[in-house]
Amino acid sequence: MGRKEFYWYYKLHATTPIFPTQSDGKLSKYKYLGKAGSLAYIDAIEQITARTKIEALDRSIEALRQEWH
């Protein structure tokens, strides 16, 4: 029987190549983050959370502007 171990890892996926690769510096659509709890994973989660908050604030500001006009 084959191995029945599982390994969970995370990566970011963009629609266009935006992440520089480590080997040659070319751009890739993927950025490897490693397992949950790694520094790259935590940094990515913090950035995603910040972006989500900024987008929510932008939507609130736009809704307020539409109510004033």
C-alpha atoms as a PDB file:
ATOM      1  CA  MET A   1       0.000   0.000   0.000  1.00  0.00           C
ATOM      2  CA  GLY A   2       1.067   3.577  -0.643  1.00  0.00           C
ATOM      3  CA  ARG A   3       1.769   6.239   1.909  1.00  0.00           C
ATOM      4  CA  LYS A   4      -1.326   7.675   3.554  1.00  0.00           C
ATOM      5  CA  GLU A   5       0.228  10.780   5.025  1.00  0.00           C
ATOM      6  CA  PHE A   6      -1.134  14.164   4.063  1.00  0.00           C
ATOM      7  CA  TYR A   7       0.754  17.421   3.896  1.00  0.00           C
ATOM      8  CA  TRP A   8      -1.149  20.696   3.828  1.00  0.00           C
ATOM      9  CA  TYR A   9       0.591  23.719   2.376  1.00  0.00           C
ATOM     10  CA  TYR A  10      -0.635  27.051   1.135  1.00  0.00           C
ATOM     11  CA  LYS A  11       0.095  29.262  -1.838  1.00  0.00           C
ATOM     12  CA  LEU A  12      -1.200  32.521  -3.230  1.00  0.00           C
ATOM     13  CA  HIS A  13      -2.623  32.415  -6.743  1.00  0.00           C
ATOM     14  CA  ALA A  14      -2.912  35.495  -8.958  1.00  0.00           C
ATOM     15  CA  THR A  15      -4.647  35.776 -12.308  1.00  0.00           C
ATOM     16  CA  THR A  16      -1.511  37.241 -13.898  1.00  0.00           C
ATOM     17  CA  PRO A  17       2.163  36.633 -13.040  1.00  0.00           C
ATOM     18  CA  ILE A  18       3.078  39.099 -10.261  1.00  0.00           C
ATOM     19  CA  PHE A  19       5.266  37.138  -7.826  1.00  0.00           C
ATOM     20  CA  PRO A  20       9.033  37.062  -8.467  1.00  0.00           C
ATOM     21  CA  THR A  21      10.538  33.576  -8.442  1.00  0.00           C
ATOM     22  CA  GLN A  22      13.486  32.811  -6.167  1.00  0.00           C
ATOM     23  CA  SER A  23      15.584  31.042  -8.786  1.00  0.00           C
ATOM     24  CA  ASP A  24      15.628  33.426 -11.754  1.00  0.00           C
ATOM     25  CA  GLY A  25      13.528  36.436 -10.715  1.00  0.00           C
ATOM     26  CA  LYS A  26      10.946  35.885 -13.437  1.00  0.00           C
ATOM     27  CA  LEU A  27       7.323  36.461 -12.516  1.00  0.00           C
ATOM     28  CA  SER A  28       4.938  33.675 -11.537  1.00  0.00           C
ATOM     29  CA  LYS A  29       1.207  33.421 -10.811  1.00  0.00           C
ATOM     30  CA  TYR A  30       1.953  31.475  -7.634  1.00  0.00           C
ATOM     31  CA  LYS A  31       3.684  32.249  -4.360  1.00  0.00           C
ATOM     32  CA  TYR A  32       4.446  29.332  -2.065  1.00  0.00           C
ATOM     33  CA  LEU A  33       3.625  30.097   1.584  1.00  0.00           C
ATOM     34  CA  GLY A  34       4.395  26.765   3.237  1.00  0.00           C
ATOM     35  CA  LYS A  35       2.374  25.281   6.032  1.00  0.00           C
ATOM     36  CA  ALA A  36      -0.049  27.159   8.262  1.00  0.00           C
ATOM     37  CA  GLY A  37       1.839  29.130  10.883  1.00  0.00           C
ATOM     38  CA  SER A  38       4.931  29.793   8.767  1.00  0.00           C
ATOM     39  CA  LEU A  39       6.153  33.385   8.599  1.00  0.00           C
ATOM     40  CA  ALA A  40       5.171  33.691   4.921  1.00  0.00           C
ATOM     41  CA  TYR A  41       1.694  32.314   5.702  1.00  0.00           C
ATOM     42  CA  ILE A  42       1.137  34.697   8.630  1.00  0.00           C
ATOM     43  CA  ASP A  43       2.368  37.668   6.578  1.00  0.00           C
ATOM     44  CA  ALA A  44       0.004  36.779   3.721  1.00  0.00           C
ATOM     45  CA  ILE A  45      -2.975  36.419   6.074  1.00  0.00           C
ATOM     46  CA  GLU A  46      -2.210  39.821   7.624  1.00  0.00           C
ATOM     47  CA  GLN A  47      -2.007  41.426   4.174  1.00  0.00           C
ATOM     48  CA  ILE A  48      -5.254  39.804   3.024  1.00  0.00           C
ATOM     49  CA  THR A  49      -7.003  40.941   6.217  1.00  0.00           C
ATOM     50  CA  ALA A  50      -5.743  44.505   5.775  1.00  0.00           C
ATOM     51  CA  ARG A  51      -6.848  44.546   2.125  1.00  0.00           C
ATOM     52  CA  THR A  52     -10.312  43.284   3.103  1.00  0.00           C
ATOM     53  CA  LYS A  53     -10.671  46.059   5.693  1.00  0.00           C
ATOM     54  CA  ILE A  54      -9.545  48.720   3.208  1.00  0.00           C
ATOM     55  CA  GLU A  55     -12.021  47.462   0.608  1.00  0.00           C
ATOM     56  CA  ALA A  56     -14.840  47.553   3.191  1.00  0.00           C
ATOM     57  CA  LEU A  57     -13.929  51.141   4.116  1.00  0.00           C
ATOM     58  CA  ASP A  58     -13.855  52.120   0.437  1.00  0.00           C
ATOM     59  CA  ARG A  59     -17.352  50.654  -0.039  1.00  0.00           C
ATOM     60  CA  SER A  60     -18.620  52.549   3.031  1.00  0.00           C
ATOM     61  CA  ILE A  61     -17.140  55.819   1.801  1.00  0.00           C
ATOM     62  CA  GLU A  62     -18.675  55.324  -1.645  1.00  0.00           C
ATOM     63  CA  ALA A  63     -22.089  54.549  -0.103  1.00  0.00           C
ATOM     64  CA  LEU A  64     -21.905  57.746   1.973  1.00  0.00           C
ATOM     65  CA  ARG A  65     -20.939  59.794  -1.091  1.00  0.00           C
ATOM     66  CA  GLN A  66     -23.912  58.420  -3.028  1.00  0.00           C
ATOM     67  CA  GLU A  67     -26.289  59.353  -0.172  1.00  0.00           C
ATOM     68  CA  TRP A  68     -25.039  62.960  -0.151  1.00  0.00           C
ATOM     69  CA  HIS A  69     -25.711  63.523  -3.855  1.00  0.00           C
END
